[in-house]
N, C-alpha and C. Protein backbone atom coordinates (compact mmCIF):
# COMPACT_ATOMS: atom_id res chain seq x y z
N MET A 1 -35.29 27.94 -4.65
CA MET A 1 -33.88 27.64 -4.60
C MET A 1 -33.53 26.80 -3.36
N LYS A 2 -34.17 27.14 -2.22
CA LYS A 2 -33.92 26.39 -1.00
C LYS A 2 -34.35 24.94 -1.16
N LYS A 3 -35.46 24.72 -1.88
CA LYS A 3 -35.95 23.36 -2.09
C LYS A 3 -34.94 22.54 -2.90
N ILE A 4 -34.33 23.14 -3.88
CA ILE A 4 -33.35 22.45 -4.72
C ILE A 4 -32.13 22.08 -3.88
N ILE A 5 -31.67 23.00 -3.05
CA ILE A 5 -30.51 22.73 -2.19
C ILE A 5 -30.84 21.62 -1.20
N LEU A 6 -32.02 21.69 -0.58
CA LEU A 6 -32.43 20.65 0.37
C LEU A 6 -32.55 19.29 -0.32
N LEU A 7 -33.11 19.29 -1.51
CA LEU A 7 -33.25 18.04 -2.27
C LEU A 7 -31.87 17.47 -2.61
N ALA A 8 -30.95 18.33 -3.01
CA ALA A 8 -29.59 17.89 -3.34
C ALA A 8 -28.91 17.33 -2.09
N LEU A 9 -29.05 18.02 -0.96
CA LEU A 9 -28.46 17.52 0.28
C LEU A 9 -29.06 16.18 0.70
N PHE A 10 -30.37 16.05 0.55
CA PHE A 10 -31.04 14.80 0.88
C PHE A 10 -30.51 13.66 -0.01
N ALA A 11 -30.41 13.92 -1.31
CA ALA A 11 -29.91 12.90 -2.24
C ALA A 11 -28.47 12.53 -1.91
N PHE A 12 -27.65 13.53 -1.58
CA PHE A 12 -26.25 13.26 -1.21
C PHE A 12 -26.19 12.42 0.06
N GLY A 13 -27.01 12.75 1.04
CA GLY A 13 -27.06 12.00 2.30
C GLY A 13 -27.50 10.57 2.08
N LEU A 14 -28.48 10.37 1.21
CA LEU A 14 -28.96 9.03 0.91
C LEU A 14 -27.87 8.20 0.26
N ASN A 15 -27.10 8.79 -0.64
CA ASN A 15 -25.99 8.08 -1.27
C ASN A 15 -24.92 7.72 -0.25
N ALA A 16 -24.66 8.60 0.70
CA ALA A 16 -23.67 8.32 1.75
C ALA A 16 -24.12 7.15 2.61
N VAL A 17 -25.40 7.08 2.95
CA VAL A 17 -25.93 5.97 3.74
C VAL A 17 -25.82 4.67 2.95
N GLN A 18 -26.16 4.70 1.67
CA GLN A 18 -26.07 3.49 0.85
C GLN A 18 -24.64 3.00 0.76
N ALA A 19 -23.67 3.93 0.69
CA ALA A 19 -22.27 3.53 0.62
C ALA A 19 -21.84 2.84 1.91
N GLN A 20 -22.39 3.24 3.05
CA GLN A 20 -22.02 2.64 4.33
C GLN A 20 -22.55 1.22 4.48
N VAL A 21 -23.63 0.89 3.81
CA VAL A 21 -24.20 -0.45 3.93
C VAL A 21 -23.85 -1.31 2.71
N ALA A 22 -22.76 -0.97 2.04
CA ALA A 22 -22.33 -1.74 0.89
C ALA A 22 -22.12 -3.19 1.30
N GLU A 23 -22.53 -4.09 0.46
CA GLU A 23 -22.40 -5.51 0.76
C GLU A 23 -20.99 -6.00 0.47
N HIS A 24 -20.41 -6.67 1.43
CA HIS A 24 -19.09 -7.26 1.25
C HIS A 24 -19.26 -8.67 0.68
N LYS A 25 -18.29 -9.08 -0.13
CA LYS A 25 -18.26 -10.44 -0.68
C LYS A 25 -16.83 -10.94 -0.50
N ILE A 26 -16.71 -12.04 0.26
CA ILE A 26 -15.38 -12.56 0.60
C ILE A 26 -15.30 -14.04 0.24
N VAL A 27 -14.24 -14.41 -0.46
CA VAL A 27 -13.97 -15.82 -0.73
C VAL A 27 -12.71 -16.20 0.05
N PHE A 28 -12.83 -17.24 0.86
CA PHE A 28 -11.70 -17.74 1.65
C PHE A 28 -11.16 -19.00 0.98
N GLN A 29 -9.85 -19.12 0.95
CA GLN A 29 -9.19 -20.33 0.47
C GLN A 29 -8.67 -21.10 1.68
N LEU A 30 -9.07 -22.36 1.80
CA LEU A 30 -8.57 -23.21 2.88
C LEU A 30 -7.90 -24.43 2.26
N SER A 31 -6.59 -24.52 2.47
CA SER A 31 -5.84 -25.63 1.88
C SER A 31 -4.96 -26.35 2.91
N VAL A 32 -5.34 -26.23 4.19
CA VAL A 32 -4.56 -26.89 5.24
C VAL A 32 -5.47 -27.79 6.09
N SER A 33 -4.89 -28.86 6.60
CA SER A 33 -5.65 -29.79 7.43
C SER A 33 -5.55 -29.45 8.92
N ASP A 34 -4.79 -28.45 9.26
CA ASP A 34 -4.57 -28.04 10.65
C ASP A 34 -5.89 -27.66 11.31
N THR A 35 -6.29 -28.43 12.33
CA THR A 35 -7.58 -28.18 12.98
C THR A 35 -7.62 -26.83 13.70
N MET A 36 -6.47 -26.32 14.10
CA MET A 36 -6.43 -24.98 14.70
C MET A 36 -6.81 -23.93 13.66
N ALA A 37 -6.40 -24.13 12.43
CA ALA A 37 -6.78 -23.22 11.34
C ALA A 37 -8.28 -23.31 11.08
N HIS A 38 -8.84 -24.50 11.20
CA HIS A 38 -10.28 -24.67 11.00
C HIS A 38 -11.06 -23.93 12.08
N LYS A 39 -10.61 -24.07 13.33
CA LYS A 39 -11.25 -23.36 14.45
C LYS A 39 -11.13 -21.85 14.27
N SER A 40 -9.96 -21.41 13.84
CA SER A 40 -9.72 -19.99 13.63
C SER A 40 -10.64 -19.44 12.53
N LEU A 41 -10.82 -20.21 11.49
CA LEU A 41 -11.71 -19.79 10.39
C LEU A 41 -13.14 -19.64 10.89
N MET A 42 -13.59 -20.55 11.73
CA MET A 42 -14.95 -20.45 12.29
C MET A 42 -15.08 -19.19 13.15
N LYS A 43 -14.03 -18.89 13.90
CA LYS A 43 -14.05 -17.67 14.71
C LYS A 43 -14.13 -16.44 13.81
N GLN A 44 -13.37 -16.44 12.72
CA GLN A 44 -13.43 -15.32 11.77
C GLN A 44 -14.83 -15.16 11.19
N MET A 45 -15.48 -16.27 10.86
CA MET A 45 -16.85 -16.20 10.31
C MET A 45 -17.78 -15.52 11.31
N GLY A 46 -17.65 -15.92 12.58
CA GLY A 46 -18.48 -15.32 13.62
C GLY A 46 -18.23 -13.82 13.74
N ASN A 47 -16.95 -13.43 13.73
CA ASN A 47 -16.61 -12.02 13.83
C ASN A 47 -17.16 -11.22 12.65
N ILE A 48 -16.96 -11.72 11.47
CA ILE A 48 -17.42 -11.02 10.26
C ILE A 48 -18.93 -10.86 10.28
N LEU A 49 -19.64 -11.94 10.56
CA LEU A 49 -21.10 -11.88 10.50
C LEU A 49 -21.71 -11.11 11.67
N THR A 50 -20.97 -10.95 12.75
CA THR A 50 -21.44 -10.11 13.85
C THR A 50 -21.37 -8.64 13.45
N VAL A 51 -20.28 -8.25 12.83
CA VAL A 51 -20.06 -6.86 12.44
C VAL A 51 -20.82 -6.50 11.16
N SER A 52 -20.88 -7.45 10.23
CA SER A 52 -21.50 -7.18 8.93
C SER A 52 -22.34 -8.39 8.50
N PRO A 53 -23.54 -8.52 9.06
CA PRO A 53 -24.36 -9.71 8.83
C PRO A 53 -24.74 -9.97 7.37
N SER A 54 -24.71 -8.96 6.53
CA SER A 54 -25.11 -9.16 5.13
C SER A 54 -23.95 -9.59 4.23
N THR A 55 -22.77 -9.79 4.82
CA THR A 55 -21.60 -10.19 4.04
C THR A 55 -21.83 -11.55 3.39
N LYS A 56 -21.53 -11.63 2.11
CA LYS A 56 -21.57 -12.92 1.41
C LYS A 56 -20.20 -13.56 1.60
N ILE A 57 -20.22 -14.83 2.04
CA ILE A 57 -18.97 -15.54 2.31
C ILE A 57 -19.01 -16.90 1.64
N GLU A 58 -17.91 -17.21 0.97
CA GLU A 58 -17.74 -18.55 0.39
C GLU A 58 -16.36 -19.05 0.82
N ILE A 59 -16.33 -20.29 1.28
CA ILE A 59 -15.07 -20.93 1.65
C ILE A 59 -14.81 -22.04 0.65
N VAL A 60 -13.63 -22.03 0.07
CA VAL A 60 -13.25 -23.05 -0.89
C VAL A 60 -12.17 -23.92 -0.25
N CYS A 61 -12.51 -25.19 -0.03
CA CYS A 61 -11.59 -26.15 0.59
C CYS A 61 -11.01 -27.04 -0.50
N HIS A 62 -9.69 -27.11 -0.55
CA HIS A 62 -9.04 -27.99 -1.52
C HIS A 62 -7.77 -28.56 -0.91
N GLY A 63 -7.25 -29.58 -1.55
CA GLY A 63 -6.07 -30.25 -1.01
C GLY A 63 -6.35 -30.72 0.41
N PRO A 64 -5.39 -30.57 1.32
CA PRO A 64 -5.60 -30.99 2.71
C PRO A 64 -6.76 -30.26 3.41
N GLY A 65 -7.15 -29.10 2.88
CA GLY A 65 -8.26 -28.35 3.46
C GLY A 65 -9.59 -29.07 3.37
N LEU A 66 -9.67 -30.07 2.51
CA LEU A 66 -10.91 -30.88 2.40
C LEU A 66 -11.29 -31.50 3.74
N GLU A 67 -10.29 -31.77 4.57
CA GLU A 67 -10.56 -32.47 5.83
C GLU A 67 -11.56 -31.72 6.71
N MET A 68 -11.62 -30.39 6.57
CA MET A 68 -12.58 -29.64 7.37
C MET A 68 -14.02 -30.03 7.02
N LEU A 69 -14.24 -30.53 5.81
CA LEU A 69 -15.58 -30.88 5.35
C LEU A 69 -15.83 -32.39 5.36
N MET A 70 -14.88 -33.17 5.84
CA MET A 70 -15.03 -34.62 5.84
C MET A 70 -15.69 -35.09 7.14
N ILE A 71 -16.65 -35.99 7.00
CA ILE A 71 -17.42 -36.49 8.14
C ILE A 71 -16.52 -37.00 9.26
N ASN A 72 -15.56 -37.81 8.92
CA ASN A 72 -14.74 -38.46 9.95
C ASN A 72 -13.53 -37.65 10.40
N LYS A 73 -13.33 -36.43 9.85
CA LYS A 73 -12.16 -35.63 10.23
C LYS A 73 -12.50 -34.23 10.73
N SER A 74 -13.65 -33.73 10.38
CA SER A 74 -14.01 -32.36 10.76
C SER A 74 -14.28 -32.26 12.26
N ILE A 75 -13.69 -31.25 12.87
CA ILE A 75 -13.98 -30.98 14.29
C ILE A 75 -14.87 -29.74 14.42
N VAL A 76 -15.30 -29.19 13.30
CA VAL A 76 -16.12 -27.97 13.32
C VAL A 76 -17.46 -28.16 12.59
N LYS A 77 -17.91 -29.41 12.50
CA LYS A 77 -19.17 -29.71 11.79
C LYS A 77 -20.34 -28.87 12.29
N ASP A 78 -20.48 -28.79 13.59
CA ASP A 78 -21.62 -28.06 14.16
C ASP A 78 -21.57 -26.57 13.79
N LYS A 79 -20.39 -25.99 13.84
CA LYS A 79 -20.25 -24.57 13.49
C LYS A 79 -20.51 -24.36 12.00
N ILE A 80 -20.06 -25.29 11.18
CA ILE A 80 -20.30 -25.19 9.74
C ILE A 80 -21.80 -25.13 9.47
N GLU A 81 -22.55 -25.98 10.16
CA GLU A 81 -24.01 -26.01 9.99
C GLU A 81 -24.62 -24.67 10.39
N VAL A 82 -24.16 -24.10 11.49
CA VAL A 82 -24.67 -22.80 11.95
C VAL A 82 -24.39 -21.73 10.89
N PHE A 83 -23.17 -21.70 10.38
CA PHE A 83 -22.82 -20.68 9.40
C PHE A 83 -23.47 -20.92 8.04
N LYS A 84 -23.67 -22.17 7.70
CA LYS A 84 -24.39 -22.44 6.45
C LYS A 84 -25.81 -21.87 6.55
N ASN A 85 -26.43 -22.01 7.71
CA ASN A 85 -27.77 -21.46 7.90
C ASN A 85 -27.79 -19.93 7.86
N LYS A 86 -26.62 -19.31 8.01
CA LYS A 86 -26.50 -17.85 7.89
C LYS A 86 -26.07 -17.43 6.48
N GLY A 87 -25.99 -18.41 5.57
CA GLY A 87 -25.68 -18.09 4.18
C GLY A 87 -24.26 -18.34 3.73
N VAL A 88 -23.38 -18.80 4.62
CA VAL A 88 -22.00 -19.08 4.23
C VAL A 88 -21.99 -20.36 3.39
N VAL A 89 -21.25 -20.33 2.29
CA VAL A 89 -21.14 -21.48 1.40
C VAL A 89 -19.80 -22.17 1.64
N PHE A 90 -19.84 -23.46 1.87
CA PHE A 90 -18.64 -24.27 2.10
C PHE A 90 -18.45 -25.20 0.91
N ASN A 91 -17.51 -24.86 0.03
CA ASN A 91 -17.28 -25.63 -1.18
C ASN A 91 -16.10 -26.58 -1.05
N ALA A 92 -16.30 -27.78 -1.53
CA ALA A 92 -15.22 -28.76 -1.64
C ALA A 92 -14.82 -28.84 -3.11
N CYS A 93 -13.53 -28.91 -3.34
CA CYS A 93 -12.99 -29.01 -4.70
C CYS A 93 -13.08 -30.47 -5.17
N GLU A 94 -13.85 -30.69 -6.21
CA GLU A 94 -14.02 -32.06 -6.73
C GLU A 94 -12.72 -32.60 -7.31
N PHE A 95 -11.89 -31.73 -7.85
CA PHE A 95 -10.60 -32.18 -8.38
C PHE A 95 -9.75 -32.75 -7.24
N SER A 96 -9.70 -32.04 -6.11
CA SER A 96 -8.94 -32.53 -4.94
C SER A 96 -9.55 -33.82 -4.40
N MET A 97 -10.89 -33.88 -4.41
CA MET A 97 -11.55 -35.10 -3.93
C MET A 97 -11.15 -36.30 -4.78
N LYS A 98 -11.12 -36.09 -6.08
CA LYS A 98 -10.74 -37.18 -6.98
C LYS A 98 -9.29 -37.60 -6.74
N GLU A 99 -8.40 -36.62 -6.61
CA GLU A 99 -6.99 -36.90 -6.36
C GLU A 99 -6.78 -37.68 -5.07
N ARG A 100 -7.60 -37.39 -4.06
CA ARG A 100 -7.46 -37.98 -2.74
C ARG A 100 -8.39 -39.18 -2.53
N ASN A 101 -9.11 -39.54 -3.58
CA ASN A 101 -10.03 -40.67 -3.54
C ASN A 101 -11.07 -40.50 -2.42
N VAL A 102 -11.66 -39.30 -2.37
CA VAL A 102 -12.69 -38.98 -1.38
C VAL A 102 -14.01 -38.82 -2.12
N SER A 103 -15.02 -39.58 -1.72
CA SER A 103 -16.33 -39.47 -2.38
C SER A 103 -17.23 -38.51 -1.61
N LYS A 104 -18.30 -38.12 -2.25
CA LYS A 104 -19.25 -37.20 -1.62
C LYS A 104 -19.90 -37.83 -0.39
N THR A 105 -19.93 -39.15 -0.33
CA THR A 105 -20.50 -39.82 0.85
C THR A 105 -19.61 -39.63 2.08
N ASN A 106 -18.35 -39.23 1.87
CA ASN A 106 -17.42 -38.96 2.97
C ASN A 106 -17.49 -37.52 3.46
N MET A 107 -18.31 -36.71 2.78
CA MET A 107 -18.36 -35.28 3.09
C MET A 107 -19.57 -34.96 3.96
N ILE A 108 -19.44 -33.91 4.79
CA ILE A 108 -20.56 -33.49 5.63
C ILE A 108 -21.71 -33.00 4.74
N GLU A 109 -22.89 -33.08 5.26
CA GLU A 109 -24.09 -32.72 4.52
C GLU A 109 -24.11 -31.27 4.07
N SER A 110 -23.47 -30.40 4.81
CA SER A 110 -23.48 -28.96 4.51
C SER A 110 -22.54 -28.58 3.37
N ALA A 111 -21.73 -29.51 2.89
CA ALA A 111 -20.78 -29.19 1.83
C ALA A 111 -21.47 -28.99 0.49
N SER A 112 -20.95 -28.02 -0.25
CA SER A 112 -21.30 -27.83 -1.66
C SER A 112 -20.05 -28.19 -2.46
N TYR A 113 -20.15 -28.20 -3.76
CA TYR A 113 -19.04 -28.69 -4.57
C TYR A 113 -18.78 -27.77 -5.76
N VAL A 114 -17.49 -27.65 -6.08
CA VAL A 114 -17.06 -26.93 -7.28
C VAL A 114 -16.08 -27.84 -8.02
N PRO A 115 -16.07 -27.76 -9.36
CA PRO A 115 -15.17 -28.65 -10.11
C PRO A 115 -13.69 -28.46 -9.79
N ALA A 116 -13.26 -27.20 -9.65
CA ALA A 116 -11.85 -26.91 -9.36
C ALA A 116 -11.79 -25.71 -8.42
N GLY A 117 -11.21 -25.91 -7.24
CA GLY A 117 -11.17 -24.88 -6.21
C GLY A 117 -10.50 -23.59 -6.64
N ILE A 118 -9.33 -23.70 -7.25
CA ILE A 118 -8.59 -22.50 -7.66
C ILE A 118 -9.38 -21.71 -8.70
N ILE A 119 -10.00 -22.41 -9.64
CA ILE A 119 -10.80 -21.73 -10.65
C ILE A 119 -11.99 -21.02 -10.00
N GLU A 120 -12.58 -21.61 -8.99
CA GLU A 120 -13.69 -20.97 -8.27
C GLU A 120 -13.20 -19.68 -7.60
N ILE A 121 -12.04 -19.75 -6.97
CA ILE A 121 -11.49 -18.57 -6.30
C ILE A 121 -11.20 -17.46 -7.31
N VAL A 122 -10.57 -17.81 -8.41
CA VAL A 122 -10.25 -16.83 -9.45
C VAL A 122 -11.53 -16.23 -10.02
N SER A 123 -12.53 -17.06 -10.27
CA SER A 123 -13.81 -16.57 -10.80
C SER A 123 -14.45 -15.56 -9.84
N LYS A 124 -14.42 -15.88 -8.55
CA LYS A 124 -14.99 -14.95 -7.56
C LYS A 124 -14.22 -13.63 -7.57
N GLN A 125 -12.89 -13.70 -7.64
CA GLN A 125 -12.10 -12.47 -7.68
C GLN A 125 -12.45 -11.65 -8.93
N GLU A 126 -12.63 -12.31 -10.04
CA GLU A 126 -12.99 -11.61 -11.27
C GLU A 126 -14.37 -10.95 -11.17
N GLN A 127 -15.21 -11.47 -10.27
CA GLN A 127 -16.54 -10.89 -10.03
C GLN A 127 -16.52 -9.83 -8.94
N GLY A 128 -15.32 -9.49 -8.45
CA GLY A 128 -15.20 -8.43 -7.47
C GLY A 128 -15.17 -8.88 -6.02
N TRP A 129 -15.10 -10.19 -5.77
CA TRP A 129 -15.02 -10.68 -4.40
C TRP A 129 -13.62 -10.44 -3.86
N SER A 130 -13.53 -10.19 -2.56
CA SER A 130 -12.24 -10.06 -1.88
C SER A 130 -11.73 -11.46 -1.54
N TYR A 131 -10.41 -11.65 -1.63
CA TYR A 131 -9.80 -12.96 -1.39
C TYR A 131 -9.04 -12.95 -0.07
N ILE A 132 -9.25 -14.00 0.72
CA ILE A 132 -8.51 -14.20 1.97
C ILE A 132 -7.97 -15.62 2.00
N LYS A 133 -6.68 -15.75 2.24
CA LYS A 133 -6.06 -17.07 2.43
C LYS A 133 -6.20 -17.43 3.89
N SER A 134 -6.83 -18.56 4.18
CA SER A 134 -7.07 -18.99 5.55
C SER A 134 -5.99 -19.97 5.98
N GLY A 135 -5.67 -19.95 7.24
CA GLY A 135 -4.66 -20.86 7.78
C GLY A 135 -3.51 -20.09 8.38
N PHE A 136 -2.52 -20.83 8.86
CA PHE A 136 -1.38 -20.19 9.52
C PHE A 136 -0.14 -20.31 8.68
């Protein structure tokens, strides 16, 4: 009987530990060109990955937010590269690019692409990702 109780306690403890290391999945929406918002987003990435390094993070840039991923406008290119190497995905909305006449040659090398930013965000939410609106 003692063995059964110990086994049950061990199994319960193991489940509690697994619950504590649950993987977070966060999708950020960036739709502003404000460079202070871009800097703030990079700071948030650092904070999140310091506290929870296994967190999956995707940033979806659309509309004016595309500027964070543009070669000639981004002031956070170096940080983007660092975070991409840690698994953060930086997506540019191809629909916004087309509307703004921005080609992929104008985008930083670390950028990935999605056909429609809002649809990407909604899809992630439907898959259980948490949504955060970035900017001020």
